[in-house]
Amino acid sequence: MESSDILITVADALGIFMTIVLPPLGAALAAGLIVGVLQAATQIQDQTLPQTVKLFVVIAVFAAMAGTLFHPLIRYTEAVFTGFPTMVP
């Protein structure tokens, strides 16, 4: 396996990683912003509230979009394991 093949494989893996991570990260960002504004408006000083809300939002996004998010990862893993004999000398 040449270095260009390794770079292509790693770039594909990073692209799939970004596809999986961005929707829950965006939802956690939005939830944190909303909870922060509500905490500022109501003057609640609880530090665990935003973390708990973000945790539940990320779990909900993963549960709702699991099939869509993890399908590229499953295809990529199958391709890596199928092509493994050609990768090693």
PDB file of N, CA and C in Angstrom:
ATOM      1  N   MET A   1       0.851  -1.178   0.000  1.00  0.00           N
ATOM      2  CA  MET A   1       0.000   0.000   0.000  1.00  0.00           C
ATOM      3  C   MET A   1       0.892   1.234   0.000  1.00  0.00           C
ATOM      4  N   GLU A   2       0.642   2.130  -0.913  1.00  0.00           N
ATOM      5  CA  GLU A   2       1.440   3.329  -1.043  1.00  0.00           C
ATOM      6  C   GLU A   2       0.928   4.426  -0.111  1.00  0.00           C
ATOM      7  N   SER A   3       1.744   5.451   0.064  1.00  0.00           N
ATOM      8  CA  SER A   3       1.361   6.540   0.962  1.00  0.00           C
ATOM      9  C   SER A   3       0.158   7.311   0.425  1.00  0.00           C
ATOM     10  N   SER A   4       0.002   7.383  -0.877  1.00  0.00           N
ATOM     11  CA  SER A   4      -1.164   8.083  -1.425  1.00  0.00           C
ATOM     12  C   SER A   4      -2.450   7.315  -1.121  1.00  0.00           C
ATOM     13  N   ASP A   5      -2.373   5.990  -1.120  1.00  0.00           N
ATOM     14  CA  ASP A   5      -3.549   5.179  -0.765  1.00  0.00           C
ATOM     15  C   ASP A   5      -3.914   5.378   0.703  1.00  0.00           C
ATOM     16  N   ILE A   6      -2.909   5.488   1.539  1.00  0.00           N
ATOM     17  CA  ILE A   6      -3.161   5.709   2.964  1.00  0.00           C
ATOM     18  C   ILE A   6      -3.803   7.074   3.172  1.00  0.00           C
ATOM     19  N   LEU A   7      -3.304   8.078   2.480  1.00  0.00           N
ATOM     20  CA  LEU A   7      -3.874   9.415   2.612  1.00  0.00           C
ATOM     21  C   LEU A   7      -5.322   9.456   2.130  1.00  0.00           C
ATOM     22  N   ILE A   8      -5.620   8.769   1.060  1.00  0.00           N
ATOM     23  CA  ILE A   8      -6.998   8.712   0.565  1.00  0.00           C
ATOM     24  C   ILE A   8      -7.899   8.007   1.573  1.00  0.00           C
ATOM     25  N   THR A   9      -7.419   6.914   2.151  1.00  0.00           N
ATOM     26  CA  THR A   9      -8.196   6.178   3.139  1.00  0.00           C
ATOM     27  C   THR A   9      -8.457   7.027   4.376  1.00  0.00           C
ATOM     28  N   VAL A  10      -7.439   7.731   4.853  1.00  0.00           N
ATOM     29  CA  VAL A  10      -7.603   8.582   6.031  1.00  0.00           C
ATOM     30  C   VAL A  10      -8.529   9.761   5.722  1.00  0.00           C
ATOM     31  N   ALA A  11      -8.408  10.342   4.537  1.00  0.00           N
ATOM     32  CA  ALA A  11      -9.287  11.455   4.156  1.00  0.00           C
ATOM     33  C   ALA A  11     -10.742  11.003   4.082  1.00  0.00           C
ATOM     34  N   ASP A  12     -10.972   9.816   3.549  1.00  0.00           N
ATOM     35  CA  ASP A  12     -12.338   9.277   3.514  1.00  0.00           C
ATOM     36  C   ASP A  12     -12.875   9.050   4.925  1.00  0.00           C
ATOM     37  N   ALA A  13     -12.021   8.520   5.801  1.00  0.00           N
ATOM     38  CA  ALA A  13     -12.446   8.274   7.178  1.00  0.00           C
ATOM     39  C   ALA A  13     -12.767   9.580   7.896  1.00  0.00           C
ATOM     40  N   LEU A  14     -11.969  10.612   7.683  1.00  0.00           N
ATOM     41  CA  LEU A  14     -12.250  11.905   8.308  1.00  0.00           C
ATOM     42  C   LEU A  14     -13.528  12.537   7.758  1.00  0.00           C
ATOM     43  N   GLY A  15     -13.776  12.366   6.468  1.00  0.00           N
ATOM     44  CA  GLY A  15     -15.021  12.871   5.891  1.00  0.00           C
ATOM     45  C   GLY A  15     -16.244  12.192   6.491  1.00  0.00           C
ATOM     46  N   ILE A  16     -16.159  10.891   6.683  1.00  0.00           N
ATOM     47  CA  ILE A  16     -17.269  10.155   7.297  1.00  0.00           C
ATOM     48  C   ILE A  16     -17.436  10.572   8.755  1.00  0.00           C
ATOM     49  N   PHE A  17     -16.309  10.783   9.442  1.00  0.00           N
ATOM     50  CA  PHE A  17     -16.364  11.242  10.830  1.00  0.00           C
ATOM     51  C   PHE A  17     -17.080  12.583  10.935  1.00  0.00           C
ATOM     52  N   MET A  18     -16.763  13.500  10.028  1.00  0.00           N
ATOM     53  CA  MET A  18     -17.417  14.807  10.047  1.00  0.00           C
ATOM     54  C   MET A  18     -18.910  14.686   9.734  1.00  0.00           C
ATOM     55  N   THR A  19     -19.269  13.767   8.856  1.00  0.00           N
ATOM     56  CA  THR A  19     -20.680  13.558   8.540  1.00  0.00           C
ATOM     57  C   THR A  19     -21.450  13.049   9.749  1.00  0.00           C
ATOM     58  N   ILE A  20     -20.813  12.219  10.549  1.00  0.00           N
ATOM     59  CA  ILE A  20     -21.472  11.662  11.720  1.00  0.00           C
ATOM     60  C   ILE A  20     -21.541  12.681  12.857  1.00  0.00           C
ATOM     61  N   VAL A  21     -20.517  13.486  13.017  1.00  0.00           N
ATOM     62  CA  VAL A  21     -20.410  14.358  14.185  1.00  0.00           C
ATOM     63  C   VAL A  21     -21.161  15.682  14.035  1.00  0.00           C
ATOM     64  N   LEU A  22     -21.238  16.218  12.841  1.00  0.00           N
ATOM     65  CA  LEU A  22     -21.789  17.564  12.681  1.00  0.00           C
ATOM     66  C   LEU A  22     -23.266  17.724  13.082  1.00  0.00           C
ATOM     67  N   PRO A  23     -24.190  16.825  12.738  1.00  0.00           N
ATOM     68  CA  PRO A  23     -25.579  17.051  13.168  1.00  0.00           C
ATOM     69  C   PRO A  23     -25.767  17.075  14.691  1.00  0.00           C
ATOM     70  N   PRO A  24     -25.206  16.121  15.447  1.00  0.00           N
ATOM     71  CA  PRO A  24     -25.358  16.226  16.906  1.00  0.00           C
ATOM     72  C   PRO A  24     -24.635  17.441  17.490  1.00  0.00           C
ATOM     73  N   LEU A  25     -23.499  17.799  16.906  1.00  0.00           N
ATOM     74  CA  LEU A  25     -22.771  18.962  17.391  1.00  0.00           C
ATOM     75  C   LEU A  25     -23.559  20.241  17.159  1.00  0.00           C
ATOM     76  N   GLY A  26     -24.175  20.362  15.999  1.00  0.00           N
ATOM     77  CA  GLY A  26     -25.005  21.528  15.715  1.00  0.00           C
ATOM     78  C   GLY A  26     -26.223  21.596  16.628  1.00  0.00           C
ATOM     79  N   ALA A  27     -26.836  20.450  16.888  1.00  0.00           N
ATOM     80  CA  ALA A  27     -27.991  20.424  17.791  1.00  0.00           C
ATOM     81  C   ALA A  27     -27.577  20.784  19.214  1.00  0.00           C
ATOM     82  N   ALA A  28     -26.415  20.304  19.652  1.00  0.00           N
ATOM     83  CA  ALA A  28     -25.926  20.640  20.994  1.00  0.00           C
ATOM     84  C   ALA A  28     -25.603  22.129  21.094  1.00  0.00           C
ATOM     85  N   LEU A  29     -25.071  22.693  20.021  1.00  0.00           N
ATOM     86  CA  LEU A  29     -24.781  24.124  20.000  1.00  0.00           C
ATOM     87  C   LEU A  29     -26.061  24.945  20.129  1.00  0.00           C
ATOM     88  N   ALA A  30     -27.080  24.561  19.365  1.00  0.00           N
ATOM     89  CA  ALA A  30     -28.357  25.283  19.426  1.00  0.00           C
ATOM     90  C   ALA A  30     -29.013  25.130  20.794  1.00  0.00           C
ATOM     91  N   ALA A  31     -28.981  23.919  21.345  1.00  0.00           N
ATOM     92  CA  ALA A  31     -29.584  23.693  22.664  1.00  0.00           C
ATOM     93  C   ALA A  31     -28.843  24.475  23.740  1.00  0.00           C
ATOM     94  N   GLY A  32     -27.521  24.513  23.668  1.00  0.00           N
ATOM     95  CA  GLY A  32     -26.740  25.277  24.642  1.00  0.00           C
ATOM     96  C   GLY A  32     -27.035  26.762  24.561  1.00  0.00           C
ATOM     97  N   LEU A  33     -27.204  27.262  23.349  1.00  0.00           N
ATOM     98  CA  LEU A  33     -27.523  28.674  23.180  1.00  0.00           C
ATOM     99  C   LEU A  33     -28.895  28.997  23.755  1.00  0.00           C
ATOM    100  N   ILE A  34     -29.875  28.148  23.471  1.00  0.00           N
ATOM    101  CA  ILE A  34     -31.232  28.376  23.983  1.00  0.00           C
ATOM    102  C   ILE A  34     -31.264  28.296  25.505  1.00  0.00           C
ATOM    103  N   VAL A  35     -30.609  27.283  26.068  1.00  0.00           N
ATOM    104  CA  VAL A  35     -30.590  27.141  27.528  1.00  0.00           C
ATOM    105  C   VAL A  35     -29.834  28.305  28.158  1.00  0.00           C
ATOM    106  N   GLY A  36     -28.752  28.755  27.528  1.00  0.00           N
ATOM    107  CA  GLY A  36     -28.009  29.897  28.056  1.00  0.00           C
ATOM    108  C   GLY A  36     -28.834  31.164  28.085  1.00  0.00           C
ATOM    109  N   VAL A  37     -29.605  31.391  27.024  1.00  0.00           N
ATOM    110  CA  VAL A  37     -30.472  32.570  26.995  1.00  0.00           C
ATOM    111  C   VAL A  37     -31.562  32.452  28.061  1.00  0.00           C
ATOM    112  N   LEU A  38     -32.141  31.261  28.191  1.00  0.00           N
ATOM    113  CA  LEU A  38     -33.177  31.083  29.224  1.00  0.00           C
ATOM    114  C   LEU A  38     -32.598  31.229  30.631  1.00  0.00           C
ATOM    115  N   GLN A  39     -31.382  30.741  30.850  1.00  0.00           N
ATOM    116  CA  GLN A  39     -30.754  30.902  32.167  1.00  0.00           C
ATOM    117  C   GLN A  39     -30.467  32.372  32.447  1.00  0.00           C
ATOM    118  N   ALA A  40     -30.041  33.103  31.448  1.00  0.00           N
ATOM    119  CA  ALA A  40     -29.776  34.526  31.651  1.00  0.00           C
ATOM    120  C   ALA A  40     -31.065  35.293  31.919  1.00  0.00           C
ATOM    121  N   ALA A  41     -32.134  34.896  31.242  1.00  0.00           N
ATOM    122  CA  ALA A  41     -33.406  35.597  31.426  1.00  0.00           C
ATOM    123  C   ALA A  41     -34.023  35.306  32.786  1.00  0.00           C
ATOM    124  N   THR A  42     -33.864  34.070  33.264  1.00  0.00           N
ATOM    125  CA  THR A  42     -34.479  33.698  34.543  1.00  0.00           C
ATOM    126  C   THR A  42     -33.505  33.771  35.708  1.00  0.00           C
ATOM    127  N   GLN A  43     -32.243  34.076  35.456  1.00  0.00           N
ATOM    128  CA  GLN A  43     -31.176  34.173  36.452  1.00  0.00           C
ATOM    129  C   GLN A  43     -30.980  32.883  37.245  1.00  0.00           C
ATOM    130  N   ILE A  44     -31.125  31.758  36.563  1.00  0.00           N
ATOM    131  CA  ILE A  44     -30.825  30.455  37.171  1.00  0.00           C
ATOM    132  C   ILE A  44     -29.318  30.240  37.060  1.00  0.00           C
ATOM    133  N   GLN A  45     -28.662  29.892  38.148  1.00  0.00           N
ATOM    134  CA  GLN A  45     -27.209  29.763  38.160  1.00  0.00           C
ATOM    135  C   GLN A  45     -26.742  28.309  38.221  1.00  0.00           C
ATOM    136  N   ASP A  46     -27.555  27.385  37.777  1.00  0.00           N
ATOM    137  CA  ASP A  46     -27.196  25.967  37.805  1.00  0.00           C
ATOM    138  C   ASP A  46     -26.246  25.658  36.660  1.00  0.00           C
ATOM    139  N   GLN A  47     -25.080  25.079  36.973  1.00  0.00           N
ATOM    140  CA  GLN A  47     -24.081  24.802  35.938  1.00  0.00           C
ATOM    141  C   GLN A  47     -24.309  23.467  35.239  1.00  0.00           C
ATOM    142  N   THR A  48     -25.071  22.585  35.843  1.00  0.00           N
ATOM    143  CA  THR A  48     -25.273  21.266  35.241  1.00  0.00           C
ATOM    144  C   THR A  48     -26.442  21.243  34.268  1.00  0.00           C
ATOM    145  N   LEU A  49     -27.297  22.225  34.308  1.00  0.00           N
ATOM    146  CA  LEU A  49     -28.475  22.245  33.436  1.00  0.00           C
ATOM    147  C   LEU A  49     -28.115  22.258  31.951  1.00  0.00           C
ATOM    148  N   PRO A  50     -27.211  23.134  31.491  1.00  0.00           N
ATOM    149  CA  PRO A  50     -26.900  23.114  30.052  1.00  0.00           C
ATOM    150  C   PRO A  50     -26.249  21.797  29.610  1.00  0.00           C
ATOM    151  N   GLN A  51     -25.391  21.214  30.455  1.00  0.00           N
ATOM    152  CA  GLN A  51     -24.733  19.966  30.071  1.00  0.00           C
ATOM    153  C   GLN A  51     -25.740  18.826  29.965  1.00  0.00           C
ATOM    154  N   THR A  52     -26.689  18.793  30.879  1.00  0.00           N
ATOM    155  CA  THR A  52     -27.704  17.746  30.856  1.00  0.00           C
ATOM    156  C   THR A  52     -28.594  17.871  29.623  1.00  0.00           C
ATOM    157  N   VAL A  53     -29.007  19.089  29.326  1.00  0.00           N
ATOM    158  CA  VAL A  53     -29.856  19.309  28.152  1.00  0.00           C
ATOM    159  C   VAL A  53     -29.103  18.939  26.880  1.00  0.00           C
ATOM    160  N   LYS A  54     -27.836  19.354  26.766  1.00  0.00           N
ATOM    161  CA  LYS A  54     -27.048  19.027  25.579  1.00  0.00           C
ATOM    162  C   LYS A  54     -26.848  17.523  25.443  1.00  0.00           C
ATOM    163  N   LEU A  55     -26.627  16.836  26.551  1.00  0.00           N
ATOM    164  CA  LEU A  55     -26.465  15.377  26.514  1.00  0.00           C
ATOM    165  C   LEU A  55     -27.721  14.711  25.970  1.00  0.00           C
ATOM    166  N   PHE A  56     -28.883  15.110  26.463  1.00  0.00           N
ATOM    167  CA  PHE A  56     -30.133  14.517  25.999  1.00  0.00           C
ATOM    168  C   PHE A  56     -30.419  14.873  24.531  1.00  0.00           C
ATOM    169  N   VAL A  57     -30.052  16.071  24.117  1.00  0.00           N
ATOM    170  CA  VAL A  57     -30.254  16.466  22.721  1.00  0.00           C
ATOM    171  C   VAL A  57     -29.368  15.628  21.800  1.00  0.00           C
ATOM    172  N   VAL A  58     -28.109  15.426  22.182  1.00  0.00           N
ATOM    173  CA  VAL A  58     -27.201  14.620  21.361  1.00  0.00           C
ATOM    174  C   VAL A  58     -27.686  13.176  21.283  1.00  0.00           C
ATOM    175  N   ILE A  59     -28.139  12.626  22.392  1.00  0.00           N
ATOM    176  CA  ILE A  59     -28.674  11.259  22.395  1.00  0.00           C
ATOM    177  C   ILE A  59     -29.911  11.173  21.507  1.00  0.00           C
ATOM    178  N   ALA A  60     -30.778  12.179  21.572  1.00  0.00           N
ATOM    179  CA  ALA A  60     -31.989  12.178  20.747  1.00  0.00           C
ATOM    180  C   ALA A  60     -31.647  12.276  19.260  1.00  0.00           C
ATOM    181  N   VAL A  61     -30.661  13.088  18.915  1.00  0.00           N
ATOM    182  CA  VAL A  61     -30.276  13.219  17.506  1.00  0.00           C
ATOM    183  C   VAL A  61     -29.673  11.910  17.002  1.00  0.00           C
ATOM    184  N   PHE A  62     -28.799  11.303  17.813  1.00  0.00           N
ATOM    185  CA  PHE A  62     -28.229  10.015  17.413  1.00  0.00           C
ATOM    186  C   PHE A  62     -29.316   8.950  17.270  1.00  0.00           C
ATOM    187  N   ALA A  63     -30.294   8.945  18.172  1.00  0.00           N
ATOM    188  CA  ALA A  63     -31.363   7.952  18.095  1.00  0.00           C
ATOM    189  C   ALA A  63     -32.260   8.195  16.883  1.00  0.00           C
ATOM    190  N   ALA A  64     -32.543   9.455  16.586  1.00  0.00           N
ATOM    191  CA  ALA A  64     -33.435   9.764  15.476  1.00  0.00           C
ATOM    192  C   ALA A  64     -32.770   9.563  14.119  1.00  0.00           C
ATOM    193  N   MET A  65     -31.467   9.811  14.047  1.00  0.00           N
ATOM    194  CA  MET A  65     -30.784   9.779  12.758  1.00  0.00           C
ATOM    195  C   MET A  65     -29.761   8.651  12.653  1.00  0.00           C
ATOM    196  N   ALA A  66     -29.881   7.637  13.470  1.00  0.00           N
ATOM    197  CA  ALA A  66     -28.857   6.582  13.510  1.00  0.00           C
ATOM    198  C   ALA A  66     -28.679   5.904  12.155  1.00  0.00           C
ATOM    199  N   GLY A  67     -29.751   5.556  11.506  1.00  0.00           N
ATOM    200  CA  GLY A  67     -29.645   4.881  10.216  1.00  0.00           C
ATOM    201  C   GLY A  67     -28.998   5.750   9.157  1.00  0.00           C
ATOM    202  N   THR A  68     -29.369   7.018   9.143  1.00  0.00           N
ATOM    203  CA  THR A  68     -28.821   7.942   8.160  1.00  0.00           C
ATOM    204  C   THR A  68     -27.363   8.269   8.441  1.00  0.00           C
ATOM    205  N   LEU A  69     -27.034   8.466   9.699  1.00  0.00           N
ATOM    206  CA  LEU A  69     -25.681   8.872  10.052  1.00  0.00           C
ATOM    207  C   LEU A  69     -24.671   7.740   9.915  1.00  0.00           C
ATOM    208  N   PHE A  70     -25.047   6.535  10.303  1.00  0.00           N
ATOM    209  CA  PHE A  70     -24.072   5.457  10.369  1.00  0.00           C
ATOM    210  C   PHE A  70     -24.016   4.594   9.112  1.00  0.00           C
ATOM    211  N   HIS A  71     -24.895   4.829   8.155  1.00  0.00           N
ATOM    212  CA  HIS A  71     -24.863   4.049   6.915  1.00  0.00           C
ATOM    213  C   HIS A  71     -23.542   4.236   6.146  1.00  0.00           C
ATOM    214  N   PRO A  72     -23.026   5.473   5.983  1.00  0.00           N
ATOM    215  CA  PRO A  72     -21.728   5.612   5.304  1.00  0.00           C
ATOM    216  C   PRO A  72     -20.591   4.932   6.061  1.00  0.00           C
ATOM    217  N   LEU A  73     -20.644   4.944   7.381  1.00  0.00           N
ATOM    218  CA  LEU A  73     -19.599   4.282   8.172  1.00  0.00           C
ATOM    219  C   LEU A  73     -19.629   2.780   7.963  1.00  0.00           C
ATOM    220  N   ILE A  74     -20.806   2.221   7.887  1.00  0.00           N
ATOM    221  CA  ILE A  74     -20.928   0.774   7.668  1.00  0.00           C
ATOM    222  C   ILE A  74     -20.408   0.404   6.281  1.00  0.00           C
ATOM    223  N   ARG A  75     -20.767   1.204   5.256  1.00  0.00           N
ATOM    224  CA  ARG A  75     -20.267   0.944   3.904  1.00  0.00           C
ATOM    225  C   ARG A  75     -18.746   1.071   3.844  1.00  0.00           C
ATOM    226  N   TYR A  76     -18.198   2.073   4.503  1.00  0.00           N
ATOM    227  CA  TYR A  76     -16.752   2.285   4.511  1.00  0.00           C
ATOM    228  C   TYR A  76     -16.040   1.132   5.220  1.00  0.00           C
ATOM    229  N   THR A  77     -16.583   0.690   6.333  1.00  0.00           N
ATOM    230  CA  THR A  77     -15.983  -0.419   7.067  1.00  0.00           C
ATOM    231  C   THR A  77     -16.009  -1.694   6.233  1.00  0.00           C
ATOM    232  N   GLU A  78     -17.117  -1.950   5.569  1.00  0.00           N
ATOM    233  CA  GLU A  78     -17.184  -3.125   4.695  1.00  0.00           C
ATOM    234  C   GLU A  78     -16.168  -3.032   3.565  1.00  0.00           C
ATOM    235  N   ALA A  79     -15.993  -1.846   2.998  1.00  0.00           N
ATOM    236  CA  ALA A  79     -15.024  -1.669   1.914  1.00  0.00           C
ATOM    237  C   ALA A  79     -13.592  -1.869   2.405  1.00  0.00           C
ATOM    238  N   VAL A  80     -13.312  -1.390   3.598  1.00  0.00           N
ATOM    239  CA  VAL A  80     -11.956  -1.566   4.153  1.00  0.00           C
ATOM    240  C   VAL A  80     -11.680  -3.038   4.413  1.00  0.00           C
ATOM    241  N   PHE A  81     -12.606  -3.731   5.020  1.00  0.00           N
ATOM    242  CA  PHE A  81     -12.390  -5.145   5.317  1.00  0.00           C
ATOM    243  C   PHE A  81     -12.387  -6.002   4.057  1.00  0.00           C
ATOM    244  N   THR A  82     -13.158  -5.599   3.059  1.00  0.00           N
ATOM    245  CA  THR A  82     -13.144  -6.338   1.791  1.00  0.00           C
ATOM    246  C   THR A  82     -11.830  -6.140   1.052  1.00  0.00           C
ATOM    247  N   GLY A  83     -11.320  -4.914   1.074  1.00  0.00           N
ATOM    248  CA  GLY A  83     -10.091  -4.621   0.375  1.00  0.00           C
ATOM    249  C   GLY A  83      -8.836  -4.846   1.202  1.00  0.00           C
ATOM    250  N   PHE A  84      -8.967  -5.362   2.384  1.00  0.00           N
ATOM    251  CA  PHE A  84      -7.815  -5.561   3.268  1.00  0.00           C
ATOM    252  C   PHE A  84      -6.744  -6.482   2.666  1.00  0.00           C
ATOM    253  N   PRO A  85      -7.103  -7.580   2.011  1.00  0.00           N
ATOM    254  CA  PRO A  85      -6.042  -8.426   1.428  1.00  0.00           C
ATOM    255  C   PRO A  85      -5.193  -7.702   0.383  1.00  0.00           C
ATOM    256  N   THR A  86      -5.759  -6.716  -0.315  1.00  0.00           N
ATOM    257  CA  THR A  86      -4.963  -5.975  -1.290  1.00  0.00           C
ATOM    258  C   THR A  86      -4.147  -4.873  -0.646  1.00  0.00           C
ATOM    259  N   MET A  87      -4.487  -4.508   0.581  1.00  0.00           N
ATOM    260  CA  MET A  87      -3.763  -3.440   1.270  1.00  0.00           C
ATOM    261  C   MET A  87      -2.448  -3.902   1.863  1.00  0.00           C
ATOM    262  N   VAL A  88      -2.400  -5.129   2.306  1.00  0.00           N
ATOM    263  CA  VAL A  88      -1.181  -5.629   2.958  1.00  0.00           C
ATOM    264  C   VAL A  88      -0.333  -6.363   1.934  1.00  0.00           C
ATOM    265  N   PRO A  89       0.987  -6.265   2.076  1.00  0.00           N
ATOM    266  CA  PRO A  89       1.846  -6.963   1.087  1.00  0.00           C
ATOM    267  C   PRO A  89       1.897  -8.443   1.288  1.00  0.00           C
TER     268      PRO A  89
END
